[in-house]
Amino acid sequence: MTDRLVTGLVWCRCCEGGACMEVAASEDGERVLIRTTKDPGTIVDLSRDEWNGFLAGVKQGAFDQVV
């Protein structure tokens, strides 16, 4: 992940039980970036298809057993 991809992005924050994550779209809208507020320098870079697959899994309960 290069700094060029994260400079000037608008991060949306979601917090639950003291743990916070942030999500942003890349400037070109082709990528979705995820980071935690505890370690904002580590960024997960997903394609739109990967992001949509992740969201579908969450909605279907695929991660309900994860604590």
N, C-alpha and C. Protein backbone atom coordinates (compact mmCIF):
# COMPACT_ATOMS: atom_id res chain seq x y z
N MET A 1 0.85 -1.18 0.00
CA MET A 1 0.00 0.00 0.00
C MET A 1 0.88 1.23 0.00
N THR A 2 0.70 2.07 -0.96
CA THR A 2 1.51 3.28 -1.01
C THR A 2 0.77 4.44 -0.35
N ASP A 3 1.53 5.42 0.15
CA ASP A 3 0.92 6.59 0.77
C ASP A 3 0.02 7.33 -0.21
N ARG A 4 0.34 7.24 -1.49
CA ARG A 4 -0.46 7.93 -2.50
C ARG A 4 -1.93 7.47 -2.45
N LEU A 5 -2.15 6.19 -2.13
CA LEU A 5 -3.51 5.68 -2.10
C LEU A 5 -4.30 6.12 -0.86
N VAL A 6 -3.63 6.51 0.21
CA VAL A 6 -4.35 6.84 1.44
C VAL A 6 -4.39 8.33 1.75
N THR A 7 -3.66 9.15 1.03
CA THR A 7 -3.64 10.59 1.28
C THR A 7 -4.95 11.21 0.82
N GLY A 8 -5.58 11.97 1.71
CA GLY A 8 -6.78 12.71 1.33
C GLY A 8 -8.06 11.90 1.28
N LEU A 9 -8.06 10.68 1.77
CA LEU A 9 -9.28 9.87 1.74
C LEU A 9 -10.19 10.23 2.89
N VAL A 10 -11.48 9.99 2.71
CA VAL A 10 -12.46 10.18 3.77
C VAL A 10 -12.73 8.81 4.38
N TRP A 11 -12.36 8.65 5.65
CA TRP A 11 -12.52 7.39 6.36
C TRP A 11 -13.82 7.40 7.16
N CYS A 12 -14.62 6.35 7.03
CA CYS A 12 -15.85 6.18 7.81
C CYS A 12 -15.52 5.25 8.97
N ARG A 13 -15.86 5.66 10.18
CA ARG A 13 -15.50 4.90 11.39
C ARG A 13 -16.71 4.17 11.95
N CYS A 14 -16.48 2.94 12.40
CA CYS A 14 -17.48 2.13 13.08
C CYS A 14 -16.84 1.56 14.34
N CYS A 15 -17.48 1.80 15.49
CA CYS A 15 -16.94 1.32 16.77
C CYS A 15 -17.95 0.42 17.45
N GLU A 16 -17.43 -0.63 18.06
CA GLU A 16 -18.25 -1.58 18.82
C GLU A 16 -17.43 -2.08 19.99
N GLY A 17 -17.88 -1.86 21.19
CA GLY A 17 -17.19 -2.36 22.37
C GLY A 17 -15.76 -1.86 22.52
N GLY A 18 -15.49 -0.64 22.09
CA GLY A 18 -14.17 -0.07 22.22
C GLY A 18 -13.23 -0.36 21.05
N ALA A 19 -13.61 -1.26 20.17
CA ALA A 19 -12.81 -1.56 18.98
C ALA A 19 -13.38 -0.77 17.80
N CYS A 20 -12.49 -0.08 17.09
CA CYS A 20 -12.95 0.74 15.96
C CYS A 20 -12.23 0.34 14.68
N MET A 21 -12.98 0.33 13.59
CA MET A 21 -12.39 0.14 12.27
C MET A 21 -12.83 1.28 11.39
N GLU A 22 -12.04 1.54 10.37
CA GLU A 22 -12.34 2.61 9.42
C GLU A 22 -12.29 2.04 8.01
N VAL A 23 -13.17 2.55 7.16
CA VAL A 23 -13.27 2.10 5.77
C VAL A 23 -13.27 3.33 4.87
N ALA A 24 -12.57 3.24 3.75
CA ALA A 24 -12.55 4.33 2.77
C ALA A 24 -12.49 3.73 1.37
N ALA A 25 -13.02 4.46 0.42
CA ALA A 25 -12.88 4.09 -0.99
C ALA A 25 -11.64 4.81 -1.52
N SER A 26 -10.90 4.14 -2.39
CA SER A 26 -9.76 4.78 -3.03
C SER A 26 -10.26 5.93 -3.89
N GLU A 27 -9.37 6.82 -4.25
CA GLU A 27 -9.76 8.00 -5.03
C GLU A 27 -10.45 7.64 -6.34
N ASP A 28 -10.03 6.54 -6.96
CA ASP A 28 -10.66 6.13 -8.22
C ASP A 28 -11.89 5.25 -8.00
N GLY A 29 -12.19 4.91 -6.73
CA GLY A 29 -13.37 4.11 -6.42
C GLY A 29 -13.23 2.63 -6.71
N GLU A 30 -12.07 2.21 -7.17
CA GLU A 30 -11.86 0.81 -7.56
C GLU A 30 -11.52 -0.09 -6.38
N ARG A 31 -11.01 0.48 -5.28
CA ARG A 31 -10.54 -0.29 -4.13
C ARG A 31 -11.26 0.18 -2.86
N VAL A 32 -11.37 -0.73 -1.91
CA VAL A 32 -11.90 -0.40 -0.59
C VAL A 32 -10.78 -0.67 0.40
N LEU A 33 -10.48 0.30 1.25
CA LEU A 33 -9.39 0.21 2.20
C LEU A 33 -9.97 0.11 3.61
N ILE A 34 -9.39 -0.77 4.43
CA ILE A 34 -9.85 -0.99 5.80
C ILE A 34 -8.66 -0.89 6.72
N ARG A 35 -8.86 -0.25 7.87
CA ARG A 35 -7.81 -0.18 8.89
C ARG A 35 -8.46 -0.11 10.27
N THR A 36 -7.67 -0.38 11.30
CA THR A 36 -8.15 -0.19 12.66
C THR A 36 -7.59 1.12 13.19
N THR A 37 -8.27 1.71 14.15
CA THR A 37 -7.79 2.96 14.72
C THR A 37 -6.57 2.73 15.62
N LYS A 38 -6.41 1.50 16.12
CA LYS A 38 -5.25 1.20 16.96
C LYS A 38 -3.97 1.06 16.13
N ASP A 39 -4.10 0.70 14.86
CA ASP A 39 -2.94 0.54 13.98
C ASP A 39 -3.28 1.07 12.59
N PRO A 40 -3.44 2.39 12.45
CA PRO A 40 -3.89 2.95 11.18
C PRO A 40 -2.87 2.80 10.04
N GLY A 41 -1.64 2.42 10.37
CA GLY A 41 -0.64 2.24 9.32
C GLY A 41 -0.75 0.92 8.59
N THR A 42 -1.48 -0.03 9.18
CA THR A 42 -1.71 -1.33 8.52
C THR A 42 -3.07 -1.27 7.84
N ILE A 43 -3.05 -1.38 6.52
CA ILE A 43 -4.28 -1.21 5.74
C ILE A 43 -4.53 -2.46 4.90
N VAL A 44 -5.76 -2.93 4.97
CA VAL A 44 -6.20 -4.03 4.11
C VAL A 44 -6.79 -3.40 2.85
N ASP A 45 -6.31 -3.83 1.71
CA ASP A 45 -6.70 -3.27 0.41
C ASP A 45 -7.51 -4.33 -0.33
N LEU A 46 -8.80 -4.06 -0.56
CA LEU A 46 -9.69 -5.01 -1.23
C LEU A 46 -10.21 -4.43 -2.54
N SER A 47 -10.41 -5.31 -3.50
CA SER A 47 -11.11 -4.89 -4.72
C SER A 47 -12.59 -4.71 -4.37
N ARG A 48 -13.32 -4.06 -5.23
CA ARG A 48 -14.77 -3.90 -5.00
C ARG A 48 -15.44 -5.27 -4.92
N ASP A 49 -15.04 -6.23 -5.75
CA ASP A 49 -15.63 -7.57 -5.70
C ASP A 49 -15.34 -8.26 -4.38
N GLU A 50 -14.10 -8.13 -3.87
CA GLU A 50 -13.75 -8.72 -2.58
C GLU A 50 -14.58 -8.08 -1.45
N TRP A 51 -14.71 -6.76 -1.49
CA TRP A 51 -15.50 -6.04 -0.49
C TRP A 51 -16.95 -6.49 -0.52
N ASN A 52 -17.53 -6.58 -1.72
CA ASN A 52 -18.92 -7.01 -1.84
C ASN A 52 -19.10 -8.44 -1.35
N GLY A 53 -18.12 -9.31 -1.61
CA GLY A 53 -18.17 -10.68 -1.11
C GLY A 53 -18.11 -10.72 0.41
N PHE A 54 -17.26 -9.88 1.00
CA PHE A 54 -17.17 -9.80 2.45
C PHE A 54 -18.50 -9.34 3.04
N LEU A 55 -19.07 -8.28 2.49
CA LEU A 55 -20.35 -7.78 3.00
C LEU A 55 -21.45 -8.83 2.88
N ALA A 56 -21.48 -9.55 1.77
CA ALA A 56 -22.48 -10.61 1.59
C ALA A 56 -22.30 -11.68 2.67
N GLY A 57 -21.06 -12.05 2.98
CA GLY A 57 -20.80 -13.03 4.02
C GLY A 57 -21.27 -12.55 5.38
N VAL A 58 -21.03 -11.28 5.68
CA VAL A 58 -21.49 -10.72 6.96
C VAL A 58 -23.01 -10.79 7.03
N LYS A 59 -23.68 -10.38 5.97
CA LYS A 59 -25.14 -10.37 5.95
C LYS A 59 -25.72 -11.77 6.07
N GLN A 60 -25.00 -12.78 5.55
CA GLN A 60 -25.48 -14.16 5.59
C GLN A 60 -25.09 -14.87 6.88
N GLY A 61 -24.37 -14.18 7.78
CA GLY A 61 -23.99 -14.77 9.06
C GLY A 61 -22.75 -15.61 9.03
N ALA A 62 -21.94 -15.51 7.98
CA ALA A 62 -20.75 -16.34 7.85
C ALA A 62 -19.73 -16.09 8.96
N PHE A 63 -19.80 -14.94 9.61
CA PHE A 63 -18.82 -14.60 10.64
C PHE A 63 -19.42 -14.54 12.04
N ASP A 64 -20.64 -15.01 12.19
CA ASP A 64 -21.32 -14.95 13.48
C ASP A 64 -20.57 -15.69 14.58
N GLN A 65 -19.84 -16.73 14.24
CA GLN A 65 -19.13 -17.52 15.25
C GLN A 65 -17.81 -16.87 15.65
N VAL A 66 -17.37 -15.84 14.94
CA VAL A 66 -16.13 -15.15 15.26
C VAL A 66 -16.38 -14.21 16.44
N VAL A 67 -15.56 -14.33 17.44
CA VAL A 67 -15.76 -13.48 18.63
C VAL A 67 -14.65 -12.48 18.70
